[in-house]
Amino acid sequence: MPGTLVYRRLELNFHTQYAEAKERARTELELLPGTPGTLTLRTITGQRYWYRRYKAVAGKEVEDFVGRQDDEAGRQAMQERIDAAAWMQSQVRQLRTLGMQVADKDAARLLVELHNRQLFAAGLVLVGTLAFMSLLNDLGALAIAARTQDIDLARRQALKLAAPVPFLETVQATLLEFFPVPGLAPSAPSTSVKRPGAEGLRVDVLAPGEELGGVKPVPELAWHAQTVPFFDYLLQAPRAGAVLAGGHCIPANLPDPARFVWHKLYSSTKRHSDTAKARKDLQQAAVLAAVLADLEGGALEEAAAAAPGEVLEAANTRSTALQALLAAHPAAVDALHAALHGA
């Protein structure tokens, strides 16, 4: 009996709409945080000033100084930015209704802050489930993706920053309440921050390392990262992508999707105490493998040729499970087999 398709293609005109939104976002050196907002005049000690009034986060309205009332150029420039943000908000809303992956407003607020502080431009890479969701959008694929309350950030080497950008200061600048998550050992430094509550957003900083769950300093962020084996392979050749979140489209670096497949297969064999995450890793790898087999012939084989032997050995143990998941995608099964065993 034929299996079930694990994804479907987004119509070309809708994917073109996404591509336009992504391209516009990539031209913005700084995104407006929160809602687009409106311009309002305030009188202070007898002088009139323009402010942008907007909702920064849920329940928090903010006013940012724009300029004097007679600064027409400054007022016009901000109005154009507000109009552009409103246009983007409408585009993201439409793309969500079409089935594209859109993260929530808390994720948007954090990602906008990371973008505005030039951390993605400096080499920070988005990984994990949010990267999977964004890769689906980039590839024009529609699939079911489990909602995530985690944002995983990674760097392969030192970020190219002119001066350190403290990570904790960055997340606190969102006006969202975050607290550092205690390390696994009593004296271990934190590698994560989290919002209050069981379902609160968690942000993890990750880096390559031989030991899973080790800790290494990230001086340019005045923070520490949790180490993950073979992350140097995953982060070798990131692509310029974007994340749809809240009403924003935020430029971000994403892993190469084919390398993402192989690393997720490897990860799915290492989550001995978390079978739910292991299944999620396997499912994400299968979906992206199906998409790549249809759209980017040879990508899986090329990425496998560069993969460490231990990664491929672990992936090979998932062959039976992959065949079951990809029963409706024989091209993907063939591509994975060719990558592991040769044509």
Protein backbone atom coordinates (compact mmCIF):
# COMPACT_ATOMS: atom_id res chain seq x y z
CA MET A 1 0.00 0.00 0.00
CA PRO A 2 1.48 3.40 -0.98
CA GLY A 3 2.59 5.65 1.84
CA THR A 4 1.51 9.19 2.61
CA LEU A 5 3.24 12.19 1.07
CA VAL A 6 5.29 13.98 3.72
CA TYR A 7 5.12 17.35 1.96
CA ARG A 8 3.52 19.18 -0.92
CA ARG A 9 4.74 21.96 -3.14
CA LEU A 10 3.72 25.57 -2.61
CA GLU A 11 2.25 27.11 -5.75
CA LEU A 12 4.91 29.02 -7.69
CA ASN A 13 3.19 32.41 -7.48
CA PHE A 14 2.91 32.11 -3.70
CA HIS A 15 6.55 31.08 -3.38
CA THR A 16 7.42 34.11 -5.49
CA GLN A 17 5.47 36.23 -3.00
CA TYR A 18 7.59 34.78 -0.19
CA ALA A 19 10.79 35.40 -2.17
CA GLU A 20 9.86 39.05 -2.63
CA ALA A 21 9.21 39.47 1.09
CA LYS A 22 12.53 37.80 1.88
CA GLU A 23 14.40 39.99 -0.60
CA ARG A 24 12.87 43.17 0.82
CA ALA A 25 13.76 42.11 4.35
CA ARG A 26 17.38 41.50 3.36
CA THR A 27 17.73 45.11 2.22
CA GLU A 28 16.83 46.41 5.71
CA LEU A 29 19.87 47.03 7.89
CA GLU A 30 17.53 47.54 10.84
CA LEU A 31 14.00 46.25 11.29
CA LEU A 32 11.36 48.06 13.30
CA PRO A 33 10.64 46.05 16.45
CA GLY A 34 7.08 45.26 17.45
CA THR A 35 4.04 46.34 15.48
CA PRO A 36 4.48 48.88 12.66
CA GLY A 37 2.97 51.59 14.86
CA THR A 38 2.08 55.19 14.08
CA LEU A 39 3.69 58.60 14.29
CA THR A 40 2.51 60.91 17.02
CA LEU A 41 3.46 64.43 18.18
CA ARG A 42 4.46 65.13 21.77
CA THR A 43 5.05 68.51 23.40
CA ILE A 44 8.04 68.63 25.76
CA THR A 45 9.06 71.90 27.45
CA GLY A 46 7.29 73.86 24.76
CA GLN A 47 8.85 72.01 21.83
CA ARG A 48 7.02 69.56 19.53
CA TYR A 49 8.62 66.19 18.68
CA TRP A 50 7.70 63.20 16.56
CA TYR A 51 7.62 59.77 18.22
CA ARG A 52 6.86 56.33 16.83
CA ARG A 53 4.23 54.69 19.04
CA TYR A 54 3.93 50.89 18.83
CA LYS A 55 3.41 47.68 20.79
CA ALA A 56 6.84 46.25 21.53
CA VAL A 57 5.56 43.05 23.14
CA ALA A 58 2.18 41.92 24.45
CA GLY A 59 0.81 44.51 26.85
CA LYS A 60 3.72 46.93 26.45
CA GLU A 61 3.31 50.08 24.39
CA VAL A 62 6.47 52.04 23.63
CA GLU A 63 7.29 55.41 22.11
CA ASP A 64 10.63 55.91 20.33
CA PHE A 65 11.96 59.37 19.54
CA VAL A 66 12.02 60.26 15.84
CA GLY A 67 12.85 63.98 15.66
CA ARG A 68 11.69 67.56 15.91
CA GLN A 69 8.37 68.56 14.38
CA ASP A 70 10.17 70.58 11.72
CA ASP A 71 12.41 67.65 10.72
CA GLU A 72 10.32 66.68 7.71
CA ALA A 73 12.99 64.42 6.20
CA GLY A 74 13.25 62.42 9.42
CA ARG A 75 9.48 62.16 9.76
CA GLN A 76 9.10 61.03 6.15
CA ALA A 77 11.87 58.45 6.47
CA MET A 78 10.21 56.93 9.54
CA GLN A 79 6.79 56.95 7.85
CA GLU A 80 8.27 55.01 4.94
CA ARG A 81 9.72 52.46 7.35
CA ILE A 82 6.35 52.13 9.10
CA ASP A 83 4.63 51.65 5.73
CA ALA A 84 7.18 48.99 4.77
CA ALA A 85 6.65 47.20 8.09
CA ALA A 86 2.87 47.28 7.59
CA TRP A 87 3.28 45.84 4.08
CA MET A 88 5.47 43.05 5.47
CA GLN A 89 2.98 42.31 8.22
CA SER A 90 0.22 41.83 5.62
CA GLN A 91 2.47 39.58 3.51
CA VAL A 92 3.37 37.36 6.47
CA ARG A 93 -0.31 37.11 7.41
CA GLN A 94 -1.17 35.94 3.88
CA LEU A 95 1.72 33.47 3.77
CA ARG A 96 0.58 31.98 7.07
CA THR A 97 -2.90 31.35 5.64
CA LEU A 98 -1.28 29.55 2.70
CA GLY A 99 0.35 27.07 5.07
CA MET A 100 3.85 28.51 5.35
CA GLN A 101 5.69 28.21 8.63
CA VAL A 102 5.39 31.29 10.87
CA ALA A 103 6.83 31.46 14.40
CA ASP A 104 5.19 33.45 17.18
CA LYS A 105 5.61 37.07 18.26
CA ASP A 106 8.06 36.31 21.09
CA ALA A 107 10.37 34.59 18.61
CA ALA A 108 9.97 37.55 16.26
CA ARG A 109 10.94 40.05 18.95
CA LEU A 110 14.13 38.15 19.76
CA LEU A 111 15.12 37.52 16.15
CA VAL A 112 14.59 41.17 15.24
CA GLU A 113 16.93 42.18 18.08
CA LEU A 114 19.57 39.68 16.93
CA HIS A 115 19.30 41.01 13.38
CA ASN A 116 19.47 44.66 14.43
CA ARG A 117 22.60 43.97 16.47
CA GLN A 118 24.19 42.43 13.36
CA LEU A 119 24.66 38.99 14.93
CA PHE A 120 23.43 37.08 11.88
CA ALA A 121 25.59 39.27 9.65
CA ALA A 122 28.52 38.35 11.93
CA GLY A 123 27.98 34.63 11.33
CA LEU A 124 25.38 33.44 13.86
CA VAL A 125 23.33 30.52 12.45
CA LEU A 126 19.80 29.47 13.34
CA VAL A 127 19.53 25.69 13.88
CA GLY A 128 16.94 23.29 15.31
CA THR A 129 13.21 23.18 14.59
CA LEU A 130 12.92 26.88 13.71
CA ALA A 131 15.63 26.37 11.08
CA PHE A 132 13.69 23.37 9.73
CA MET A 133 10.54 25.47 9.45
CA SER A 134 12.45 28.23 7.67
CA LEU A 135 14.13 25.80 5.26
CA LEU A 136 10.70 24.49 4.27
CA ASN A 137 9.66 28.06 3.44
CA ASP A 138 12.86 28.68 1.50
CA LEU A 139 12.35 25.52 -0.53
CA GLY A 140 8.67 26.21 -1.20
CA ALA A 141 7.53 23.09 0.67
CA LEU A 142 4.45 22.72 2.86
CA ALA A 143 4.59 20.16 5.65
CA ILE A 144 3.48 19.64 9.21
CA ALA A 145 6.03 20.99 11.66
CA ALA A 146 5.64 20.59 15.40
CA ARG A 147 5.45 23.93 17.16
CA THR A 148 8.59 24.72 19.12
CA GLN A 149 9.24 26.87 22.16
CA ASP A 150 13.00 26.66 21.57
CA ILE A 151 15.27 28.87 19.52
CA ASP A 152 18.65 27.27 18.87
CA LEU A 153 21.51 29.58 17.87
CA ALA A 154 24.95 28.37 16.87
CA ARG A 155 28.31 29.63 15.76
CA ARG A 156 31.08 27.59 14.15
CA GLN A 157 33.83 30.05 14.94
CA ALA A 158 34.13 33.47 16.57
CA LEU A 159 31.53 35.89 15.28
CA LYS A 160 32.91 38.78 13.24
CA LEU A 161 31.95 41.63 15.53
CA ALA A 162 33.80 44.93 15.98
CA ALA A 163 33.07 44.74 19.70
CA PRO A 164 31.44 42.17 21.98
CA VAL A 165 27.62 42.06 21.94
CA PRO A 166 26.57 40.58 25.31
CA PHE A 167 23.97 37.88 24.78
CA LEU A 168 22.08 38.45 28.02
CA GLU A 169 21.85 42.19 27.36
CA THR A 170 20.54 41.42 23.87
CA VAL A 171 17.69 39.19 25.04
CA GLN A 172 16.78 41.62 27.82
CA ALA A 173 16.57 44.45 25.27
CA THR A 174 13.52 42.71 23.79
CA LEU A 175 11.50 43.81 26.88
CA LEU A 176 10.54 40.15 27.28
CA GLU A 177 11.31 38.57 30.65
CA PHE A 178 14.13 36.04 30.33
CA PHE A 179 16.18 34.37 33.04
CA PRO A 180 19.39 32.30 32.70
CA VAL A 181 18.90 28.55 32.89
CA PRO A 182 21.25 26.93 35.45
CA GLY A 183 23.97 24.71 34.01
CA LEU A 184 23.87 20.93 34.35
CA ALA A 185 26.61 21.00 36.99
CA PRO A 186 26.30 23.28 40.05
CA SER A 187 29.26 25.42 38.99
CA ALA A 188 28.66 25.25 35.23
CA PRO A 189 27.83 28.55 33.51
CA SER A 190 24.50 28.95 31.76
CA THR A 191 24.23 28.34 28.03
CA SER A 192 20.50 29.12 27.78
CA VAL A 193 17.86 31.64 28.76
CA LYS A 194 14.16 31.02 29.20
CA ARG A 195 10.89 32.88 29.63
CA PRO A 196 8.82 32.04 32.72
CA GLY A 197 6.37 29.14 32.64
CA ALA A 198 6.48 25.58 31.40
CA GLU A 199 5.74 26.72 27.84
CA GLY A 200 7.99 29.77 27.96
CA LEU A 201 10.34 30.42 25.05
CA ARG A 202 13.85 28.99 25.58
CA VAL A 203 16.95 30.19 23.74
CA ASP A 204 20.02 27.92 23.56
CA VAL A 205 23.49 28.88 22.34
CA LEU A 206 25.33 25.95 20.74
CA ALA A 207 28.79 25.30 19.29
CA PRO A 208 30.80 22.40 17.89
CA GLY A 209 32.49 20.11 20.39
CA GLU A 210 33.42 16.47 20.82
CA GLU A 211 31.22 16.04 23.91
CA LEU A 212 27.45 16.42 23.83
CA GLY A 213 26.45 18.88 26.54
CA GLY A 214 29.90 20.27 27.23
CA VAL A 215 30.38 23.98 27.82
CA LYS A 216 32.70 26.38 26.02
CA PRO A 217 33.07 30.16 26.30
CA VAL A 218 31.80 32.50 23.60
CA PRO A 219 33.74 35.69 24.45
CA GLU A 220 32.18 37.85 21.75
CA LEU A 221 28.75 37.25 23.34
CA ALA A 222 30.02 37.34 26.95
CA TRP A 223 28.25 33.98 27.27
CA HIS A 224 28.83 30.23 27.00
CA ALA A 225 27.68 27.63 24.49
CA GLN A 226 26.67 24.01 24.86
CA THR A 227 28.75 21.73 22.67
CA VAL A 228 27.27 19.37 20.07
CA PRO A 229 29.30 16.75 18.16
CA PHE A 230 29.77 17.31 14.42
CA PHE A 231 28.26 20.78 14.51
CA ASP A 232 31.31 21.97 12.58
CA TYR A 233 30.01 19.83 9.69
CA LEU A 234 26.46 21.16 10.02
CA LEU A 235 27.59 24.80 10.14
CA GLN A 236 30.22 24.57 7.39
CA ALA A 237 28.23 26.19 4.56
CA PRO A 238 25.18 28.10 5.84
CA ARG A 239 22.77 29.75 3.42
CA ALA A 240 21.25 33.20 3.58
CA GLY A 241 17.62 32.58 4.49
CA ALA A 242 14.84 34.21 6.47
CA VAL A 243 12.41 33.47 9.27
CA LEU A 244 8.73 34.36 9.20
CA ALA A 245 7.69 35.24 12.75
CA GLY A 246 4.92 37.38 14.17
CA GLY A 247 4.45 40.04 11.50
CA HIS A 248 8.09 40.03 10.45
CA CYS A 249 10.37 38.46 7.90
CA ILE A 250 13.80 38.39 9.53
CA PRO A 251 16.98 37.64 7.56
CA ALA A 252 18.96 34.81 9.16
CA ASN A 253 21.62 32.24 8.32
CA LEU A 254 20.29 28.68 7.97
CA PRO A 255 22.19 25.40 7.72
CA ASP A 256 22.63 23.79 4.33
CA PRO A 257 19.46 21.64 4.09
CA ALA A 258 21.25 18.48 2.93
CA ARG A 259 23.76 18.67 5.79
CA PHE A 260 20.79 19.31 8.08
CA VAL A 261 19.31 15.98 6.93
CA TRP A 262 22.42 13.97 7.76
CA HIS A 263 23.01 15.66 11.10
CA LYS A 264 19.37 15.19 12.11
CA LEU A 265 19.62 11.49 11.29
CA TYR A 266 22.73 11.29 13.44
CA SER A 267 21.03 13.21 16.28
CA SER A 268 18.00 10.93 16.16
CA THR A 269 20.21 8.01 17.20
CA LYS A 270 21.71 9.83 20.19
CA ARG A 271 18.56 10.89 22.07
CA HIS A 272 18.37 7.73 24.17
CA SER A 273 16.32 9.34 26.96
CA ASP A 274 14.07 11.49 24.76
CA THR A 275 12.26 9.35 22.21
CA ALA A 276 9.90 12.20 21.25
CA LYS A 277 12.81 14.40 20.13
CA ALA A 278 14.40 11.43 18.39
CA ARG A 279 11.20 10.89 16.37
CA LYS A 280 11.05 14.61 15.58
CA ASP A 281 14.66 14.58 14.32
CA LEU A 282 13.91 11.57 12.13
CA GLN A 283 10.71 13.13 10.75
CA GLN A 284 12.45 16.41 9.93
CA ALA A 285 15.26 14.57 8.16
CA ALA A 286 12.79 12.52 6.13
CA VAL A 287 10.76 15.55 5.05
CA LEU A 288 13.78 17.54 3.92
CA ALA A 289 15.24 14.48 2.17
CA ALA A 290 12.01 14.13 0.17
CA VAL A 291 12.05 17.82 -0.77
CA LEU A 292 15.71 17.79 -1.79
CA ALA A 293 15.38 14.60 -3.81
CA ASP A 294 12.64 16.30 -5.86
CA LEU A 295 14.13 19.79 -6.13
CA GLU A 296 17.91 19.62 -5.73
CA GLY A 297 19.16 16.42 -7.31
CA GLY A 298 22.57 15.34 -6.00
CA ALA A 299 22.43 17.54 -2.90
CA LEU A 300 22.07 14.63 -0.48
CA GLU A 301 24.89 12.70 -2.11
CA GLU A 302 27.20 15.74 -2.11
CA ALA A 303 26.53 16.47 1.55
CA ALA A 304 27.07 12.80 2.46
CA ALA A 305 30.45 12.83 0.70
CA ALA A 306 31.57 15.57 3.10
CA ALA A 307 30.04 14.00 6.22
CA PRO A 308 32.14 12.34 8.95
CA GLY A 309 31.99 8.57 8.92
CA GLU A 310 30.31 8.37 12.33
CA VAL A 311 27.46 10.56 11.07
CA LEU A 312 26.84 8.30 8.08
CA GLU A 313 27.13 5.15 10.17
CA ALA A 314 24.46 6.47 12.52
CA ALA A 315 22.27 7.54 9.58
CA ASN A 316 22.53 4.06 8.08
CA THR A 317 20.91 2.57 11.18
CA ARG A 318 17.81 4.63 10.32
CA SER A 319 17.39 3.16 6.83
CA THR A 320 14.42 0.93 7.68
CA ALA A 321 12.57 3.72 9.48
CA LEU A 322 13.27 6.12 6.61
CA GLN A 323 11.92 3.67 4.03
CA ALA A 324 8.67 3.46 6.00
CA LEU A 325 8.35 7.25 6.32
CA LEU A 326 9.25 7.82 2.67
CA ALA A 327 7.18 5.06 1.09
CA ALA A 328 5.45 7.67 -1.11
CA HIS A 329 8.81 9.21 -2.09
CA PRO A 330 10.88 6.52 -3.83
CA ALA A 331 13.24 9.14 -5.29
CA ALA A 332 14.23 10.16 -1.76
CA VAL A 333 14.75 6.53 -0.69
CA ASP A 334 16.97 6.00 -3.74
CA ALA A 335 18.96 9.19 -3.11
CA LEU A 336 19.58 8.30 0.52
CA HIS A 337 20.62 4.75 -0.41
CA ALA A 338 22.95 6.04 -3.13
CA ALA A 339 24.51 8.51 -0.71
CA LEU A 340 25.12 5.81 1.91
CA HIS A 341 26.06 2.88 -0.32
CA GLY A 342 26.87 4.26 -3.75
CA ALA A 343 24.68 4.18 -6.83
